[in-house]
Protein backbone atom coordinates (compact mmCIF):
# COMPACT_ATOMS: atom_id res chain seq x y z
CA MET A 1 -14.73 -11.20 3.77
CA PHE A 2 -11.80 -13.57 4.18
CA THR A 3 -11.51 -16.41 1.73
CA ALA A 4 -9.15 -18.36 3.98
CA GLY A 5 -8.62 -19.00 7.66
CA LYS A 6 -6.69 -16.64 9.90
CA LYS A 7 -3.30 -18.29 9.41
CA GLY A 8 -3.65 -18.37 5.65
CA ARG A 9 -4.75 -14.78 5.55
CA ILE A 10 -1.80 -13.58 7.63
CA ALA A 11 0.54 -15.29 5.18
CA VAL A 12 -1.14 -13.53 2.28
CA ILE A 13 -0.95 -10.20 4.11
CA GLY A 14 2.81 -10.52 4.41
CA ALA A 15 3.11 -11.01 0.67
CA ILE A 16 0.94 -8.09 -0.34
CA ALA A 17 1.76 -5.52 2.33
CA VAL A 18 4.23 -3.53 0.24
CA SER A 19 2.00 -3.26 -2.82
CA ALA A 20 -1.05 -2.46 -0.70
CA ALA A 21 0.74 0.41 1.04
CA ILE A 22 1.68 1.89 -2.31
CA ALA A 23 -1.87 1.49 -3.64
CA LEU A 24 -3.38 3.18 -0.62
CA ALA A 25 -1.61 6.44 -1.38
CA GLY A 26 -3.68 6.76 -4.51
CA CYS A 27 -6.91 6.05 -2.62
CA SER A 28 -6.53 8.72 0.07
CA SER A 29 -8.96 11.60 0.24
CA SER A 30 -7.78 15.17 -0.26
CA SER A 31 -7.61 15.64 3.52
CA SER A 32 -5.18 12.76 3.90
CA THR A 33 -1.40 12.58 3.86
CA PRO A 34 0.02 10.00 1.42
CA LEU A 35 1.06 6.77 3.07
CA GLY A 36 4.73 6.04 3.29
CA SER A 37 7.70 5.57 5.56
CA SER A 38 7.51 9.14 6.91
CA ALA A 39 3.96 8.58 8.17
CA SER A 40 4.71 5.30 9.93
CA ALA A 41 8.19 6.19 11.16
CA SER A 42 7.20 9.16 13.32
CA ALA A 43 7.37 7.88 16.87
CA GLY A 44 4.19 8.59 18.80
CA THR A 45 2.13 9.54 15.73
CA ILE A 46 -1.28 7.86 15.50
CA VAL A 47 -2.16 7.19 11.85
CA ILE A 48 -5.94 6.85 11.57
CA GLY A 49 -7.58 5.33 8.52
CA SER A 50 -11.14 5.10 7.27
CA GLN A 51 -13.10 3.23 4.66
CA ALA A 52 -14.50 4.99 1.61
CA TYR A 53 -17.80 5.32 3.46
CA TYR A 54 -19.04 8.57 4.96
CA SER A 55 -20.16 7.04 8.26
CA ASN A 56 -16.81 5.35 8.81
CA GLU A 57 -14.96 8.57 7.99
CA ILE A 58 -17.04 10.47 10.56
CA ILE A 59 -16.06 7.98 13.28
CA ALA A 60 -12.41 8.15 12.23
CA GLU A 61 -12.53 11.94 12.42
CA ILE A 62 -14.09 11.77 15.89
CA TYR A 63 -11.23 9.51 16.99
CA ALA A 64 -8.70 11.90 15.44
CA GLN A 65 -10.07 15.06 17.06
CA ALA A 66 -10.49 13.40 20.45
CA LEU A 67 -6.88 12.22 20.41
CA GLU A 68 -5.61 15.62 19.26
CA ALA A 69 -7.54 17.28 22.09
CA ASN A 70 -5.62 15.03 24.45
CA GLY A 71 -2.20 15.94 23.14
CA GLN A 72 -1.67 13.14 20.61
CA THR A 73 -0.15 13.73 17.17
CA VAL A 74 -2.49 12.38 14.50
CA THR A 75 -2.18 11.76 10.77
CA ARG A 76 -5.32 11.00 8.76
CA GLN A 77 -5.49 8.40 5.99
CA PHE A 78 -9.17 8.49 5.02
CA ASN A 79 -11.28 7.14 2.18
CA ILE A 80 -9.17 4.04 1.59
CA GLY A 81 -11.66 1.38 0.50
CA GLN A 82 -12.40 -2.14 1.62
CA ARG A 83 -10.59 -4.47 4.04
CA ASP A 84 -8.37 -6.05 1.42
CA ALA A 85 -6.87 -2.62 0.86
CA TYR A 86 -6.33 -1.38 4.40
CA LEU A 87 -5.86 -4.36 6.73
CA PRO A 88 -2.30 -5.11 5.56
CA SER A 89 -1.32 -1.54 6.43
CA VAL A 90 -2.90 -1.77 9.89
CA GLU A 91 -0.96 -4.94 10.53
CA ASN A 92 2.37 -3.57 9.35
CA GLY A 93 1.88 -0.34 11.28
CA THR A 94 1.59 2.06 8.33
CA ILE A 95 -1.90 2.72 9.68
CA THR A 96 -2.23 2.31 13.44
CA LEU A 97 -5.93 2.86 14.22
CA PHE A 98 -9.06 2.08 12.22
CA PRO A 99 -12.78 2.18 13.09
CA GLU A 100 -14.17 -1.26 12.32
CA TYR A 101 -17.36 -3.30 12.73
CA THR A 102 -17.30 -6.43 14.87
CA GLY A 103 -19.39 -8.87 12.82
CA ASN A 104 -18.01 -8.00 9.41
CA LEU A 105 -14.44 -8.00 10.66
CA LEU A 106 -14.90 -11.34 12.44
CA GLN A 107 -16.26 -13.00 9.32
CA TYR A 108 -13.42 -11.50 7.31
CA LEU A 109 -10.86 -12.98 9.69
CA ASP A 110 -12.63 -16.28 10.36
CA LYS A 111 -15.10 -17.66 7.82
CA THR A 112 -16.01 -20.48 10.20
CA ALA A 113 -17.17 -18.12 12.97
CA THR A 114 -20.51 -19.13 14.48
CA ALA A 115 -21.09 -16.29 16.97
CA THR A 116 -24.09 -14.08 16.23
CA THR A 117 -24.90 -11.96 19.31
CA SER A 118 -23.08 -8.72 20.06
CA ALA A 119 -21.24 -10.06 23.11
CA ASP A 120 -20.31 -13.37 21.50
CA VAL A 121 -19.10 -11.74 18.29
CA TYR A 122 -16.91 -9.32 20.23
CA ALA A 123 -15.42 -12.14 22.30
CA ALA A 124 -14.68 -14.18 19.18
CA LEU A 125 -13.17 -11.16 17.44
CA GLN A 126 -10.74 -10.55 20.30
CA LYS A 127 -9.35 -14.04 19.66
CA ALA A 128 -9.40 -13.80 15.86
CA VAL A 129 -7.36 -10.65 15.27
CA PRO A 130 -3.70 -11.14 14.29
CA ASP A 131 -1.24 -11.22 17.18
CA ASN A 132 0.09 -7.69 16.75
CA LEU A 133 -3.41 -6.14 16.60
CA THR A 134 -6.12 -5.74 19.19
CA VAL A 135 -9.61 -4.31 19.43
CA LEU A 136 -10.57 -1.73 22.03
CA ASP A 137 -14.05 -1.50 23.62
CA GLN A 138 -16.93 -1.91 21.20
CA ALA A 139 -19.46 0.91 21.05
CA PRO A 140 -23.19 0.48 21.73
CA ALA A 141 -23.63 1.77 18.16
CA ALA A 142 -24.30 -0.91 15.57
CA ASP A 143 -23.94 -0.25 11.86
CA GLN A 144 -24.53 -3.54 10.15
CA ASP A 145 -25.70 -4.86 6.83
CA ALA A 146 -29.43 -5.51 6.57
CA TYR A 147 -31.83 -6.89 4.00
CA VAL A 148 -34.19 -4.00 3.26
CA VAL A 149 -37.33 -3.64 1.14
CA THR A 150 -39.80 -0.84 0.50
CA LYS A 151 -42.88 -0.58 2.69
CA ALA A 152 -45.03 -1.09 -0.41
CA PHE A 153 -43.22 -4.35 -1.25
CA SER A 154 -43.46 -5.54 2.35
CA ASP A 155 -47.21 -4.87 2.50
CA ALA A 156 -47.99 -6.33 -0.93
CA ASN A 157 -46.10 -9.57 -0.31
CA GLY A 158 -46.44 -10.04 3.43
CA VAL A 159 -42.66 -9.85 3.84
CA THR A 160 -41.24 -8.83 7.23
CA SER A 161 -38.32 -11.27 7.58
CA ILE A 162 -35.61 -12.63 5.31
CA ALA A 163 -37.36 -16.00 5.55
CA ASP A 164 -40.50 -14.49 4.01
CA LEU A 165 -38.60 -13.73 0.80
CA ALA A 166 -38.67 -17.44 -0.05
CA LYS A 167 -42.34 -17.15 -1.04
CA VAL A 168 -41.70 -14.36 -3.60
CA PRO A 169 -40.28 -15.38 -7.01
CA ASN A 170 -37.85 -13.53 -9.27
CA LEU A 171 -36.17 -11.32 -6.69
CA THR A 172 -33.03 -9.30 -7.30
CA LEU A 173 -30.83 -7.93 -4.55
CA GLY A 174 -28.80 -4.73 -4.97
CA ALA A 175 -25.60 -4.08 -3.01
CA ASN A 176 -21.91 -3.32 -3.29
CA GLN A 177 -20.12 -5.84 -5.51
CA GLU A 178 -18.35 -7.53 -2.58
CA PHE A 179 -21.70 -8.36 -0.95
CA SER A 180 -22.23 -11.02 -3.62
CA THR A 181 -19.48 -13.20 -2.12
CA ARG A 182 -19.95 -12.48 1.58
CA PRO A 183 -21.28 -15.26 3.83
CA TYR A 184 -24.54 -13.37 4.39
CA GLY A 185 -25.00 -12.51 0.70
CA PRO A 186 -27.13 -14.43 -1.82
CA THR A 187 -25.40 -17.76 -1.12
CA GLY A 188 -26.02 -17.38 2.61
CA ALA A 189 -29.64 -16.37 2.04
CA LEU A 190 -30.14 -19.54 -0.02
CA SER A 191 -28.47 -21.92 2.43
CA THR A 192 -29.96 -20.36 5.56
CA TYR A 193 -33.44 -19.40 4.42
CA GLY A 194 -33.98 -21.11 1.07
CA VAL A 195 -34.21 -17.71 -0.63
CA THR A 196 -33.07 -17.44 -4.25
CA LEU A 197 -31.82 -13.98 -5.18
CA GLY A 198 -30.42 -12.52 -8.34
CA PHE A 199 -27.74 -9.87 -7.82
CA THR A 200 -27.17 -6.39 -9.23
CA PRO A 201 -24.05 -4.49 -8.12
CA ILE A 202 -24.78 -0.95 -6.91
CA ASN A 203 -21.57 0.43 -5.50
CA ASP A 204 -22.70 3.28 -3.27
CA SER A 205 -22.80 1.42 0.08
CA GLY A 206 -26.58 1.50 0.40
CA GLY A 207 -26.77 5.15 -0.59
CA PRO A 208 -29.11 7.13 -2.88
CA LEU A 209 -28.54 4.92 -5.94
CA THR A 210 -29.44 1.82 -3.97
CA VAL A 211 -32.56 3.45 -2.52
CA GLN A 212 -33.60 4.65 -5.98
CA ALA A 213 -33.18 1.15 -7.39
CA LEU A 214 -35.48 -0.17 -4.65
CA GLN A 215 -38.07 2.51 -5.25
CA ASN A 216 -38.22 2.01 -9.03
CA ASN A 217 -38.21 -1.80 -8.64
CA THR A 218 -34.90 -2.32 -10.45
CA VAL A 219 -34.13 -4.41 -7.38
CA GLN A 220 -36.63 -5.67 -4.83
CA VAL A 221 -34.21 -6.18 -1.93
CA ALA A 222 -31.15 -4.14 -0.98
CA ASP A 223 -28.29 -4.20 1.48
CA ILE A 224 -28.57 -0.96 3.47
CA TYR A 225 -26.70 -0.27 6.69
CA THR A 226 -28.88 -0.05 9.78
CA SER A 227 -27.65 3.45 10.68
CA SER A 228 -28.82 4.89 7.34
CA SER A 229 -31.30 7.76 7.58
CA ALA A 230 -32.93 6.45 4.38
CA ILE A 231 -34.65 3.69 6.37
CA THR A 232 -36.86 6.22 8.11
CA LYS A 233 -36.84 9.00 5.54
CA ASP A 234 -37.77 6.76 2.59
CA ASN A 235 -40.15 4.48 4.51
CA LEU A 236 -38.08 1.34 4.13
CA VAL A 237 -38.44 -1.92 6.06
CA VAL A 238 -35.49 -3.74 7.63
CA LEU A 239 -36.26 -7.45 7.42
CA SER A 240 -35.81 -9.44 10.61
CA ASP A 241 -33.15 -12.13 10.65
CA PRO A 242 -34.37 -14.86 13.03
CA LYS A 243 -31.62 -17.34 12.13
CA GLY A 244 -28.75 -14.87 12.55
CA LEU A 245 -27.53 -14.84 8.95
CA ILE A 246 -25.99 -11.40 9.54
CA LEU A 247 -23.76 -11.14 12.59
CA ALA A 248 -24.18 -8.32 15.08
CA SER A 249 -21.78 -5.58 13.99
CA ASN A 250 -20.93 -2.92 16.55
CA VAL A 251 -18.47 -0.12 15.93
CA VAL A 252 -15.08 -1.20 17.31
CA PRO A 253 -11.59 0.37 17.09
CA LEU A 254 -8.95 -1.88 15.53
CA ILE A 255 -5.49 -0.80 16.65
CA ASN A 256 -1.90 -1.91 16.20
CA LYS A 257 -0.67 -2.94 19.66
CA ALA A 258 2.36 -0.67 19.31
CA ALA A 259 0.01 2.33 19.33
CA ALA A 260 -2.33 1.06 22.07
CA THR A 261 -0.86 3.08 24.92
CA PRO A 262 -2.98 3.67 28.05
CA GLU A 263 -3.48 7.31 27.00
CA VAL A 264 -4.76 6.40 23.53
CA THR A 265 -6.87 3.51 24.78
CA SER A 266 -8.55 5.66 27.44
CA VAL A 267 -9.53 8.37 24.96
CA ILE A 268 -10.93 6.01 22.32
CA ASN A 269 -12.83 3.87 24.82
CA LYS A 270 -14.46 7.01 26.25
CA VAL A 271 -15.58 8.05 22.77
CA ASP A 272 -16.97 4.62 21.94
CA ALA A 273 -18.93 4.43 25.19
CA ALA A 274 -20.86 7.54 24.11
CA LEU A 275 -21.54 6.41 20.54
CA THR A 276 -25.01 4.86 20.30
CA SER A 277 -26.93 3.70 17.24
CA SER A 278 -29.26 6.70 17.39
CA GLU A 279 -26.28 9.07 17.74
CA LEU A 280 -24.58 7.46 14.74
CA ALA A 281 -27.73 7.73 12.64
CA ALA A 282 -27.97 11.43 13.52
CA LEU A 283 -24.33 11.98 12.58
CA ASN A 284 -24.94 10.25 9.25
CA ASP A 285 -27.89 12.56 8.62
CA GLU A 286 -25.62 15.55 9.07
CA SER A 287 -23.41 14.16 6.32
CA THR A 288 -25.98 12.94 3.80
CA VAL A 289 -28.82 15.39 4.41
CA ASP A 290 -27.13 18.52 5.73
CA GLN A 291 -23.98 18.01 3.63
CA LYS A 292 -21.64 18.90 6.49
CA SER A 293 -17.99 17.84 6.48
CA SER A 294 -16.77 15.00 8.65
CA ALA A 295 -14.52 17.44 10.51
CA ASP A 296 -17.40 19.78 11.39
CA ILE A 297 -19.68 16.89 12.37
CA ALA A 298 -17.03 15.40 14.65
CA LYS A 299 -16.19 18.73 16.29
CA ALA A 300 -19.83 19.49 17.08
CA TRP A 301 -20.55 16.00 18.43
CA LEU A 302 -17.53 15.97 20.73
CA ALA A 303 -18.57 19.36 22.08
CA LYS A 304 -22.19 18.27 22.56
CA GLU A 305 -21.12 15.15 24.43
CA LYS A 306 -18.68 17.20 26.53
CA LEU A 307 -16.07 14.51 26.00
CA PHE A 308 -12.96 16.63 25.47
């Protein structure tokens, strides 16, 4: 998340843009073209990025194939990493389109944001993005951080909400390293709910290592995204969040305004309108359970939805 307000962050972005663009070339997946002047200089080319997270890459690939089916030229820059790595390149136009998440992006851009509901977060995000960027329509699909425990832990301790964790001593939370400093991480849990949590970094974005740590009691609470198939498959419990510690976080396309032509906007908005939480969870299953490639998953979903 951002450690400064919007104006301060934009100033920092300007200073680090060149080094970030160079660093991104080393973070690209094998299916990506290295970032550089040739990628950003091609007039009319849409450069699509993705985080180093399988679900985000699937959405990026869906965007890419949908645009290609509608005559757009697309370059892929997938598997980049976290926002500190890719946002400078979206702002300077090296990357022009990126699947994002409303709540997390809003808190990254504006630490003082108070919106919590889906509609309010989206409205606040539209105002918070830098001037040369915009967000297109948000999808019904939400893929947000959640405090998760095992069913056995929930039953044994009577824990069904984040607030309930306050009555259980000596708890450790497992999540990606950056979760430790996010507003809804351990500090937020303490200030909002009076919950004291130790922290163990597990850098697989709520994946198998995180689930295993929960199951063997290395950690008692974990950050797992709400679209993860592990929640159902491994009998996990998503704790309710009555005070709105974690903002609603719908899938939303972040785009450089120079690339936001009516043709591009129409295609991406049509895709997002069809992307629901249950659809996204099913797509994630195809990646994690069936071990299909993002390209094959995207192609089959677009055909099933009869979008393009």
